[in-house]
Every structure is written in C-alpha cells, then in structure tokens.
Amino acid sequence: EVLKTIDEGDADDVTKQRIHEGREKPGALWHIYAAKDAEKIRELLRKVGEEQGQENPPDHDPIHDQSWYLDQTLRKRLYDEYGVQGWAIVQFLGDAVF
C-alpha cells in the first residue's frame, strides 16, 4: 500500500528507482507547494469541504487544521482548476528534509 501511494504520489523516476531496487527504505511522502499558491489551495479545500457538506467558519484555515490529505484526485483537481502544481518528495530513512 505504501509503494502504491508513492507511485501515485507523483514522485520522480529516480526516487521510484531507489525504492523499487530495495536499496533504501522510504519513511515519508511529502507534497510541497509554493507559498504563493497557499490561497488557491485554501480555496480548493473550502470548495471541496462545501461539496461534502462541511461548514467553513470565517476563521477556519483548511490548510492548518490537518484534516485534509491531497490525494491524487485532489492534486489533479488543484492543477486543473487552479493551475497549481506541487513537487513530490520521498523522505528516506536517515534523510533530512528542509
């Protein structure tokens, strides 16, 4: 299941090769976006929340409440509707991401 998530997570070919050759063990999958796209991401999450019948109080920040995961479907929608594309980073055991 983890490998499937990484394969669907838009990781680059070199990273996928590191995983599938079994040389290293993945620890986390990150999807990184430019800070300038934060408001567009909020707009999408609010829109999806409304479609699912969730309330969106004015002081609510859907990015920071940690209740969303941008799966492949939401990442595609973010790109298609808002032109926002992120980068997938697989953090292997022992790697630092900063």
PDB file of N, CA and C in Angstrom:
ATOM      1  N   GLU A   1       0.821  -1.198   0.000  1.00  0.00           N
ATOM      2  CA  GLU A   1       0.000   0.000   0.000  1.00  0.00           C
ATOM      3  C   GLU A   1       0.864   1.262   0.000  1.00  0.00           C
ATOM      4  N   VAL A   2       1.940   1.253   0.752  1.00  0.00           N
ATOM      5  CA  VAL A   2       2.829   2.417   0.810  1.00  0.00           C
ATOM      6  C   VAL A   2       3.464   2.665  -0.553  1.00  0.00           C
ATOM      7  N   LEU A   3       3.940   1.602  -1.197  1.00  0.00           N
ATOM      8  CA  LEU A   3       4.569   1.759  -2.513  1.00  0.00           C
ATOM      9  C   LEU A   3       3.567   2.260  -3.547  1.00  0.00           C
ATOM     10  N   LYS A   4       2.333   1.787  -3.462  1.00  0.00           N
ATOM     11  CA  LYS A   4       1.299   2.257  -4.392  1.00  0.00           C
ATOM     12  C   LYS A   4       1.061   3.753  -4.190  1.00  0.00           C
ATOM     13  N   THR A   5       0.996   4.173  -2.939  1.00  0.00           N
ATOM     14  CA  THR A   5       0.793   5.591  -2.641  1.00  0.00           C
ATOM     15  C   THR A   5       1.937   6.423  -3.195  1.00  0.00           C
ATOM     16  N   ILE A   6       3.161   5.947  -3.052  1.00  0.00           N
ATOM     17  CA  ILE A   6       4.318   6.677  -3.574  1.00  0.00           C
ATOM     18  C   ILE A   6       4.282   6.703  -5.100  1.00  0.00           C
ATOM     19  N   ASP A   7       3.956   5.566  -5.717  1.00  0.00           N
ATOM     20  CA  ASP A   7       3.868   5.527  -7.180  1.00  0.00           C
ATOM     21  C   ASP A   7       2.814   6.505  -7.695  1.00  0.00           C
ATOM     22  N   GLU A   8       1.703   6.625  -6.976  1.00  0.00           N
ATOM     23  CA  GLU A   8       0.633   7.543  -7.378  1.00  0.00           C
ATOM     24  C   GLU A   8       0.899   8.964  -6.902  1.00  0.00           C
ATOM     25  N   GLY A   9       1.942   9.150  -6.111  1.00  0.00           N
ATOM     26  CA  GLY A   9       2.210  10.436  -5.488  1.00  0.00           C
ATOM     27  C   GLY A   9       3.060  11.375  -6.292  1.00  0.00           C
ATOM     28  N   ASP A  10       3.272  11.080  -7.558  1.00  0.00           N
ATOM     29  CA  ASP A  10       3.996  11.970  -8.462  1.00  0.00           C
ATOM     30  C   ASP A  10       5.487  12.071  -8.156  1.00  0.00           C
ATOM     31  N   ALA A  11       6.044  11.063  -7.511  1.00  0.00           N
ATOM     32  CA  ALA A  11       7.487  11.070  -7.251  1.00  0.00           C
ATOM     33  C   ALA A  11       8.234  10.897  -8.572  1.00  0.00           C
ATOM     34  N   ASP A  12       9.432  11.440  -8.634  1.00  0.00           N
ATOM     35  CA  ASP A  12      10.223  11.353  -9.864  1.00  0.00           C
ATOM     36  C   ASP A  12      10.759   9.936 -10.065  1.00  0.00           C
ATOM     37  N   ASP A  13      11.216   9.647 -11.276  1.00  0.00           N
ATOM     38  CA  ASP A  13      11.664   8.301 -11.636  1.00  0.00           C
ATOM     39  C   ASP A  13      12.879   7.845 -10.835  1.00  0.00           C
ATOM     40  N   VAL A  14      13.800   8.739 -10.548  1.00  0.00           N
ATOM     41  CA  VAL A  14      14.993   8.368  -9.774  1.00  0.00           C
ATOM     42  C   VAL A  14      14.582   7.913  -8.374  1.00  0.00           C
ATOM     43  N   THR A  15      13.651   8.623  -7.779  1.00  0.00           N
ATOM     44  CA  THR A  15      13.174   8.252  -6.441  1.00  0.00           C
ATOM     45  C   THR A  15      12.476   6.904  -6.479  1.00  0.00           C
ATOM     46  N   LYS A  16      11.623   6.694  -7.471  1.00  0.00           N
ATOM     47  CA  LYS A  16      10.934   5.410  -7.592  1.00  0.00           C
ATOM     48  C   LYS A  16      11.933   4.278  -7.769  1.00  0.00           C
ATOM     49  N   GLN A  17      12.988   4.532  -8.523  1.00  0.00           N
ATOM     50  CA  GLN A  17      14.023   3.523  -8.729  1.00  0.00           C
ATOM     51  C   GLN A  17      14.710   3.192  -7.406  1.00  0.00           C
ATOM     52  N   ARG A  18      15.000   4.195  -6.595  1.00  0.00           N
ATOM     53  CA  ARG A  18      15.613   3.961  -5.280  1.00  0.00           C
ATOM     54  C   ARG A  18      14.744   3.031  -4.439  1.00  0.00           C
ATOM     55  N   ILE A  19      13.446   3.205  -4.538  1.00  0.00           N
ATOM     56  CA  ILE A  19      12.518   2.392  -3.746  1.00  0.00           C
ATOM     57  C   ILE A  19      12.435   0.973  -4.285  1.00  0.00           C
ATOM     58  N   HIS A  20      12.203   0.852  -5.584  1.00  0.00           N
ATOM     59  CA  HIS A  20      11.939  -0.458  -6.170  1.00  0.00           C
ATOM     60  C   HIS A  20      13.177  -1.344  -6.248  1.00  0.00           C
ATOM     61  N   GLU A  21      14.341  -0.753  -6.241  1.00  0.00           N
ATOM     62  CA  GLU A  21      15.556  -1.570  -6.213  1.00  0.00           C
ATOM     63  C   GLU A  21      15.848  -2.064  -4.801  1.00  0.00           C
ATOM     64  N   GLY A  22      15.099  -1.554  -3.837  1.00  0.00           N
ATOM     65  CA  GLY A  22      15.223  -2.042  -2.475  1.00  0.00           C
ATOM     66  C   GLY A  22      16.456  -1.593  -1.734  1.00  0.00           C
ATOM     67  N   ARG A  23      17.164  -0.623  -2.287  1.00  0.00           N
ATOM     68  CA  ARG A  23      18.387  -0.161  -1.629  1.00  0.00           C
ATOM     69  C   ARG A  23      18.089   0.655  -0.382  1.00  0.00           C
ATOM     70  N   GLU A  24      16.975   1.352  -0.399  1.00  0.00           N
ATOM     71  CA  GLU A  24      16.659   2.237   0.712  1.00  0.00           C
ATOM     72  C   GLU A  24      15.180   2.102   1.069  1.00  0.00           C
ATOM     73  N   LYS A  25      14.867   2.450   2.304  1.00  0.00           N
ATOM     74  CA  LYS A  25      13.501   2.319   2.790  1.00  0.00           C
ATOM     75  C   LYS A  25      12.855   3.701   2.912  1.00  0.00           C
ATOM     76  N   PRO A  26      11.694   3.890   2.249  1.00  0.00           N
ATOM     77  CA  PRO A  26      11.028   5.188   2.353  1.00  0.00           C
ATOM     78  C   PRO A  26      10.450   5.386   3.748  1.00  0.00           C
ATOM     79  N   GLY A  27      10.501   6.639   4.200  1.00  0.00           N
ATOM     80  CA  GLY A  27       9.968   6.954   5.515  1.00  0.00           C
ATOM     81  C   GLY A  27       8.726   7.832   5.449  1.00  0.00           C
ATOM     82  N   ALA A  28       8.673   8.762   4.486  1.00  0.00           N
ATOM     83  CA  ALA A  28       7.528   9.676   4.379  1.00  0.00           C
ATOM     84  C   ALA A  28       7.415  10.189   2.947  1.00  0.00           C
ATOM     85  N   LEU A  29       6.200  10.523   2.564  1.00  0.00           N
ATOM     86  CA  LEU A  29       5.929  11.135   1.264  1.00  0.00           C
ATOM     87  C   LEU A  29       5.390  12.532   1.522  1.00  0.00           C
ATOM     88  N   TRP A  30       6.082  13.523   0.977  1.00  0.00           N
ATOM     89  CA  TRP A  30       5.691  14.921   1.141  1.00  0.00           C
ATOM     90  C   TRP A  30       5.242  15.482  -0.199  1.00  0.00           C
ATOM     91  N   HIS A  31       4.230  16.322  -0.177  1.00  0.00           N
ATOM     92  CA  HIS A  31       3.841  17.095  -1.354  1.00  0.00           C
ATOM     93  C   HIS A  31       4.053  18.558  -0.985  1.00  0.00           C
ATOM     94  N   ILE A  32       4.975  19.195  -1.673  1.00  0.00           N
ATOM     95  CA  ILE A  32       5.398  20.554  -1.357  1.00  0.00           C
ATOM     96  C   ILE A  32       4.823  21.508  -2.410  1.00  0.00           C
ATOM     97  N   TYR A  33       4.328  22.649  -1.943  1.00  0.00           N
ATOM     98  CA  TYR A  33       3.760  23.653  -2.839  1.00  0.00           C
ATOM     99  C   TYR A  33       4.398  25.001  -2.569  1.00  0.00           C
ATOM    100  N   ALA A  34       4.404  25.850  -3.566  1.00  0.00           N
ATOM    101  CA  ALA A  34       4.943  27.202  -3.410  1.00  0.00           C
ATOM    102  C   ALA A  34       4.042  27.999  -2.468  1.00  0.00           C
ATOM    103  N   ALA A  35       4.662  28.808  -1.617  1.00  0.00           N
ATOM    104  CA  ALA A  35       3.905  29.629  -0.664  1.00  0.00           C
ATOM    105  C   ALA A  35       2.908  30.538  -1.380  1.00  0.00           C
ATOM    106  N   LYS A  36       3.261  30.982  -2.578  1.00  0.00           N
ATOM    107  CA  LYS A  36       2.376  31.882  -3.327  1.00  0.00           C
ATOM    108  C   LYS A  36       1.062  31.211  -3.723  1.00  0.00           C
ATOM    109  N   ASP A  37       1.005  29.879  -3.660  1.00  0.00           N
ATOM    110  CA  ASP A  37      -0.201  29.145  -4.041  1.00  0.00           C
ATOM    111  C   ASP A  37      -1.098  28.807  -2.851  1.00  0.00           C
ATOM    112  N   ALA A  38      -0.723  29.255  -1.660  1.00  0.00           N
ATOM    113  CA  ALA A  38      -1.465  28.884  -0.451  1.00  0.00           C
ATOM    114  C   ALA A  38      -2.947  29.267  -0.531  1.00  0.00           C
ATOM    115  N   GLU A  39      -3.239  30.459  -1.011  1.00  0.00           N
ATOM    116  CA  GLU A  39      -4.647  30.886  -1.054  1.00  0.00           C
ATOM    117  C   GLU A  39      -5.453  30.054  -2.046  1.00  0.00           C
ATOM    118  N   LYS A  40      -4.852  29.666  -3.155  1.00  0.00           N
ATOM    119  CA  LYS A  40      -5.547  28.808  -4.126  1.00  0.00           C
ATOM    120  C   LYS A  40      -5.820  27.432  -3.519  1.00  0.00           C
ATOM    121  N   ILE A  41      -4.877  26.928  -2.743  1.00  0.00           N
ATOM    122  CA  ILE A  41      -5.068  25.638  -2.074  1.00  0.00           C
ATOM    123  C   ILE A  41      -6.210  25.757  -1.063  1.00  0.00           C
ATOM    124  N   ARG A  42      -6.225  26.848  -0.303  1.00  0.00           N
ATOM    125  CA  ARG A  42      -7.328  27.083   0.645  1.00  0.00           C
ATOM    126  C   ARG A  42      -8.674  27.120  -0.088  1.00  0.00           C
ATOM    127  N   GLU A  43      -8.704  27.812  -1.219  1.00  0.00           N
ATOM    128  CA  GLU A  43      -9.949  27.911  -1.992  1.00  0.00           C
ATOM    129  C   GLU A  43     -10.445  26.532  -2.401  1.00  0.00           C
ATOM    130  N   LEU A  44      -9.538  25.694  -2.896  1.00  0.00           N
ATOM    131  CA  LEU A  44      -9.944  24.346  -3.296  1.00  0.00           C
ATOM    132  C   LEU A  44     -10.462  23.565  -2.099  1.00  0.00           C
ATOM    133  N   LEU A  45      -9.747  23.599  -0.983  1.00  0.00           N
ATOM    134  CA  LEU A  45     -10.165  22.832   0.191  1.00  0.00           C
ATOM    135  C   LEU A  45     -11.512  23.321   0.726  1.00  0.00           C
ATOM    136  N   ARG A  46     -11.727  24.624   0.711  1.00  0.00           N
ATOM    137  CA  ARG A  46     -13.033  25.156   1.134  1.00  0.00           C
ATOM    138  C   ARG A  46     -14.137  24.683   0.186  1.00  0.00           C
ATOM    139  N   LYS A  47     -13.835  24.719  -1.101  1.00  0.00           N
ATOM    140  CA  LYS A  47     -14.804  24.293  -2.117  1.00  0.00           C
ATOM    141  C   LYS A  47     -15.161  22.817  -1.940  1.00  0.00           C
ATOM    142  N   VAL A  48     -14.157  21.975  -1.759  1.00  0.00           N
ATOM    143  CA  VAL A  48     -14.393  20.542  -1.575  1.00  0.00           C
ATOM    144  C   VAL A  48     -15.152  20.304  -0.270  1.00  0.00           C
ATOM    145  N   GLY A  49     -14.782  21.042   0.771  1.00  0.00           N
ATOM    146  CA  GLY A  49     -15.497  20.924   2.040  1.00  0.00           C
ATOM    147  C   GLY A  49     -16.970  21.253   1.892  1.00  0.00           C
ATOM    148  N   GLU A  50     -17.266  22.328   1.180  1.00  0.00           N
ATOM    149  CA  GLU A  50     -18.663  22.708   0.943  1.00  0.00           C
ATOM    150  C   GLU A  50     -19.390  21.635   0.142  1.00  0.00           C
ATOM    151  N   GLU A  51     -18.716  21.070  -0.857  1.00  0.00           N
ATOM    152  CA  GLU A  51     -19.320  19.997  -1.660  1.00  0.00           C
ATOM    153  C   GLU A  51     -19.646  18.782  -0.800  1.00  0.00           C
ATOM    154  N   GLN A  52     -18.882  18.604   0.279  1.00  0.00           N
ATOM    155  CA  GLN A  52     -19.099  17.472   1.183  1.00  0.00           C
ATOM    156  C   GLN A  52     -20.009  17.840   2.356  1.00  0.00           C
ATOM    157  N   GLY A  53     -20.555  19.055   2.334  1.00  0.00           N
ATOM    158  CA  GLY A  53     -21.477  19.476   3.374  1.00  0.00           C
ATOM    159  C   GLY A  53     -20.826  19.968   4.655  1.00  0.00           C
ATOM    160  N   GLN A  54     -19.552  20.291   4.601  1.00  0.00           N
ATOM    161  CA  GLN A  54     -18.850  20.789   5.784  1.00  0.00           C
ATOM    162  C   GLN A  54     -19.026  22.298   5.901  1.00  0.00           C
ATOM    163  N   GLU A  55     -19.038  22.768   7.147  1.00  0.00           N
ATOM    164  CA  GLU A  55     -19.095  24.205   7.385  1.00  0.00           C
ATOM    165  C   GLU A  55     -17.693  24.786   7.268  1.00  0.00           C
ATOM    166  N   ASN A  56     -17.611  26.018   6.798  1.00  0.00           N
ATOM    167  CA  ASN A  56     -16.335  26.723   6.686  1.00  0.00           C
ATOM    168  C   ASN A  56     -16.424  28.049   7.435  1.00  0.00           C
ATOM    169  N   PRO A  57     -16.213  28.039   8.763  1.00  0.00           N
ATOM    170  CA  PRO A  57     -16.253  29.304   9.505  1.00  0.00           C
ATOM    171  C   PRO A  57     -15.201  30.271   8.974  1.00  0.00           C
ATOM    172  N   PRO A  58     -15.448  31.576   9.092  1.00  0.00           N
ATOM    173  CA  PRO A  58     -14.512  32.569   8.537  1.00  0.00           C
ATOM    174  C   PRO A  58     -13.101  32.480   9.112  1.00  0.00           C
ATOM    175  N   ASP A  59     -12.980  32.042  10.366  1.00  0.00           N
ATOM    176  CA  ASP A  59     -11.654  31.966  10.986  1.00  0.00           C
ATOM    177  C   ASP A  59     -10.982  30.611  10.782  1.00  0.00           C
ATOM    178  N   HIS A  60     -11.583  29.757   9.983  1.00  0.00           N
ATOM    179  CA  HIS A  60     -11.073  28.403   9.757  1.00  0.00           C
ATOM    180  C   HIS A  60     -10.035  28.406   8.642  1.00  0.00           C
ATOM    181  N   ASP A  61      -8.915  27.748   8.874  1.00  0.00           N
ATOM    182  CA  ASP A  61      -7.877  27.616   7.844  1.00  0.00           C
ATOM    183  C   ASP A  61      -7.745  26.139   7.481  1.00  0.00           C
ATOM    184  N   PRO A  62      -8.263  25.730   6.326  1.00  0.00           N
ATOM    185  CA  PRO A  62      -8.256  24.314   5.962  1.00  0.00           C
ATOM    186  C   PRO A  62      -6.859  23.734   5.742  1.00  0.00           C
ATOM    187  N   ILE A  63      -5.869  24.583   5.514  1.00  0.00           N
ATOM    188  CA  ILE A  63      -4.506  24.070   5.364  1.00  0.00           C
ATOM    189  C   ILE A  63      -3.959  23.639   6.720  1.00  0.00           C
ATOM    190  N   HIS A  64      -4.172  24.458   7.729  1.00  0.00           N
ATOM    191  CA  HIS A  64      -3.538  24.217   9.023  1.00  0.00           C
ATOM    192  C   HIS A  64      -4.340  23.346   9.979  1.00  0.00           C
ATOM    193  N   ASP A  65      -5.571  22.977   9.626  1.00  0.00           N
ATOM    194  CA  ASP A  65      -6.323  22.128  10.551  1.00  0.00           C
ATOM    195  C   ASP A  65      -5.941  20.654  10.424  1.00  0.00           C
ATOM    196  N   GLN A  66      -5.132  20.338   9.450  1.00  0.00           N
ATOM    197  CA  GLN A  66      -4.566  18.997   9.256  1.00  0.00           C
ATOM    198  C   GLN A  66      -5.624  17.908   9.082  1.00  0.00           C
ATOM    199  N   SER A  67      -6.777  18.271   8.525  1.00  0.00           N
ATOM    200  CA  SER A  67      -7.809  17.262   8.293  1.00  0.00           C
ATOM    201  C   SER A  67      -7.875  16.836   6.826  1.00  0.00           C
ATOM    202  N   TRP A  68      -7.028  17.421   5.994  1.00  0.00           N
ATOM    203  CA  TRP A  68      -7.034  17.116   4.567  1.00  0.00           C
ATOM    204  C   TRP A  68      -5.733  16.447   4.151  1.00  0.00           C
ATOM    205  N   TYR A  69      -5.861  15.525   3.205  1.00  0.00           N
ATOM    206  CA  TYR A  69      -4.704  14.972   2.506  1.00  0.00           C
ATOM    207  C   TYR A  69      -4.983  15.147   1.022  1.00  0.00           C
ATOM    208  N   LEU A  70      -4.073  15.768   0.324  1.00  0.00           N
ATOM    209  CA  LEU A  70      -4.256  15.956  -1.112  1.00  0.00           C
ATOM    210  C   LEU A  70      -3.846  14.677  -1.836  1.00  0.00           C
ATOM    211  N   ASP A  71      -4.819  13.791  -2.017  1.00  0.00           N
ATOM    212  CA  ASP A  71      -4.555  12.555  -2.744  1.00  0.00           C
ATOM    213  C   ASP A  71      -4.447  12.869  -4.234  1.00  0.00           C
ATOM    214  N   GLN A  72      -4.270  11.846  -5.025  1.00  0.00           N
ATOM    215  CA  GLN A  72      -4.057  12.044  -6.461  1.00  0.00           C
ATOM    216  C   GLN A  72      -5.228  12.802  -7.101  1.00  0.00           C
ATOM    217  N   THR A  73      -6.442  12.483  -6.698  1.00  0.00           N
ATOM    218  CA  THR A  73      -7.625  13.144  -7.250  1.00  0.00           C
ATOM    219  C   THR A  73      -7.636  14.633  -6.914  1.00  0.00           C
ATOM    220  N   LEU A  74      -7.360  14.980  -5.656  1.00  0.00           N
ATOM    221  CA  LEU A  74      -7.355  16.395  -5.266  1.00  0.00           C
ATOM    222  C   LEU A  74      -6.176  17.144  -5.868  1.00  0.00           C
ATOM    223  N   ARG A  75      -5.015  16.488  -5.984  1.00  0.00           N
ATOM    224  CA  ARG A  75      -3.868  17.155  -6.622  1.00  0.00           C
ATOM    225  C   ARG A  75      -4.170  17.455  -8.082  1.00  0.00           C
ATOM    226  N   LYS A  76      -4.831  16.527  -8.770  1.00  0.00           N
ATOM    227  CA  LYS A  76      -5.199  16.752 -10.176  1.00  0.00           C
ATOM    228  C   LYS A  76      -6.214  17.890 -10.274  1.00  0.00           C
ATOM    229  N   ARG A  77      -7.167  17.881  -9.390  1.00  0.00           N
ATOM    230  CA  ARG A  77      -8.177  18.943  -9.387  1.00  0.00           C
ATOM    231  C   ARG A  77      -7.538  20.305  -9.094  1.00  0.00           C
ATOM    232  N   LEU A  78      -6.597  20.340  -8.161  1.00  0.00           N
ATOM    233  CA  LEU A  78      -5.885  21.579  -7.844  1.00  0.00           C
ATOM    234  C   LEU A  78      -5.171  22.108  -9.081  1.00  0.00           C
ATOM    235  N   TYR A  79      -4.566  21.223  -9.842  1.00  0.00           N
ATOM    236  CA  TYR A  79      -3.873  21.633 -11.065  1.00  0.00           C
ATOM    237  C   TYR A  79      -4.873  22.059 -12.147  1.00  0.00           C
ATOM    238  N   ASP A  80      -5.900  21.238 -12.357  1.00  0.00           N
ATOM    239  CA  ASP A  80      -6.870  21.518 -13.426  1.00  0.00           C
ATOM    240  C   ASP A  80      -7.658  22.808 -13.185  1.00  0.00           C
ATOM    241  N   GLU A  81      -8.079  23.033 -11.950  1.00  0.00           N
ATOM    242  CA  GLU A  81      -8.954  24.169 -11.659  1.00  0.00           C
ATOM    243  C   GLU A  81      -8.208  25.447 -11.281  1.00  0.00           C
ATOM    244  N   TYR A  82      -6.991  25.300 -10.743  1.00  0.00           N
ATOM    245  CA  TYR A  82      -6.275  26.471 -10.232  1.00  0.00           C
ATOM    246  C   TYR A  82      -4.876  26.639 -10.821  1.00  0.00           C
ATOM    247  N   GLY A  83      -4.436  25.664 -11.617  1.00  0.00           N
ATOM    248  CA  GLY A  83      -3.107  25.755 -12.216  1.00  0.00           C
ATOM    249  C   GLY A  83      -1.970  25.574 -11.227  1.00  0.00           C
ATOM    250  N   VAL A  84      -2.259  24.965 -10.075  1.00  0.00           N
ATOM    251  CA  VAL A  84      -1.253  24.791  -9.024  1.00  0.00           C
ATOM    252  C   VAL A  84      -0.656  23.393  -9.113  1.00  0.00           C
ATOM    253  N   GLN A  85       0.661  23.353  -9.229  1.00  0.00           N
ATOM    254  CA  GLN A  85       1.368  22.078  -9.277  1.00  0.00           C
ATOM    255  C   GLN A  85       2.419  22.068  -8.178  1.00  0.00           C
ATOM    256  N   GLY A  86       2.499  20.964  -7.480  1.00  0.00           N
ATOM    257  CA  GLY A  86       3.476  20.821  -6.405  1.00  0.00           C
ATOM    258  C   GLY A  86       4.590  19.872  -6.800  1.00  0.00           C
ATOM    259  N   TRP A  87       5.400  19.538  -5.815  1.00  0.00           N
ATOM    260  CA  TRP A  87       6.509  18.609  -6.002  1.00  0.00           C
ATOM    261  C   TRP A  87       6.384  17.506  -4.977  1.00  0.00           C
ATOM    262  N   ALA A  88       6.580  16.274  -5.419  1.00  0.00           N
ATOM    263  CA  ALA A  88       6.545  15.133  -4.505  1.00  0.00           C
ATOM    264  C   ALA A  88       7.968  14.824  -4.059  1.00  0.00           C
ATOM    265  N   ILE A  89       8.137  14.672  -2.770  1.00  0.00           N
ATOM    266  CA  ILE A  89       9.445  14.336  -2.206  1.00  0.00           C
ATOM    267  C   ILE A  89       9.269  13.121  -1.313  1.00  0.00           C
ATOM    268  N   VAL A  90      10.022  12.072  -1.595  1.00  0.00           N
ATOM    269  CA  VAL A  90      10.032  10.911  -0.723  1.00  0.00           C
ATOM    270  C   VAL A  90      11.212  11.069   0.219  1.00  0.00           C
ATOM    271  N   GLN A  91      10.918  11.057   1.496  1.00  0.00           N
ATOM    272  CA  GLN A  91      11.965  11.142   2.512  1.00  0.00           C
ATOM    273  C   GLN A  91      12.307   9.715   2.920  1.00  0.00           C
ATOM    274  N   PHE A  92      13.543   9.333   2.688  1.00  0.00           N
ATOM    275  CA  PHE A  92      14.002   8.001   3.058  1.00  0.00           C
ATOM    276  C   PHE A  92      14.516   8.024   4.488  1.00  0.00           C
ATOM    277  N   LEU A  93      14.547   6.863   5.120  1.00  0.00           N
ATOM    278  CA  LEU A  93      15.074   6.783   6.476  1.00  0.00           C
ATOM    279  C   LEU A  93      16.483   7.355   6.496  1.00  0.00           C
ATOM    280  N   GLY A  94      16.729   8.263   7.405  1.00  0.00           N
ATOM    281  CA  GLY A  94      18.030   8.913   7.509  1.00  0.00           C
ATOM    282  C   GLY A  94      18.136  10.215   6.749  1.00  0.00           C
ATOM    283  N   ASP A  95      17.178  10.504   5.865  1.00  0.00           N
ATOM    284  CA  ASP A  95      17.181  11.766   5.118  1.00  0.00           C
ATOM    285  C   ASP A  95      16.639  12.900   5.985  1.00  0.00           C
ATOM    286  N   ALA A  96      17.138  14.091   5.732  1.00  0.00           N
ATOM    287  CA  ALA A  96      16.577  15.300   6.335  1.00  0.00           C
ATOM    288  C   ALA A  96      15.921  16.102   5.220  1.00  0.00           C
ATOM    289  N   VAL A  97      14.761  16.640   5.491  1.00  0.00           N
ATOM    290  CA  VAL A  97      14.062  17.478   4.520  1.00  0.00           C
ATOM    291  C   VAL A  97      13.906  18.851   5.140  1.00  0.00           C
ATOM    292  N   PHE A  98      14.468  19.864   4.446  1.00  0.00           N
ATOM    293  CA  PHE A  98      14.321  21.236   4.926  1.00  0.00           C
ATOM    294  C   PHE A  98      14.427  22.210   3.804  1.00  0.00           C
TER     295      PHE A  98
END
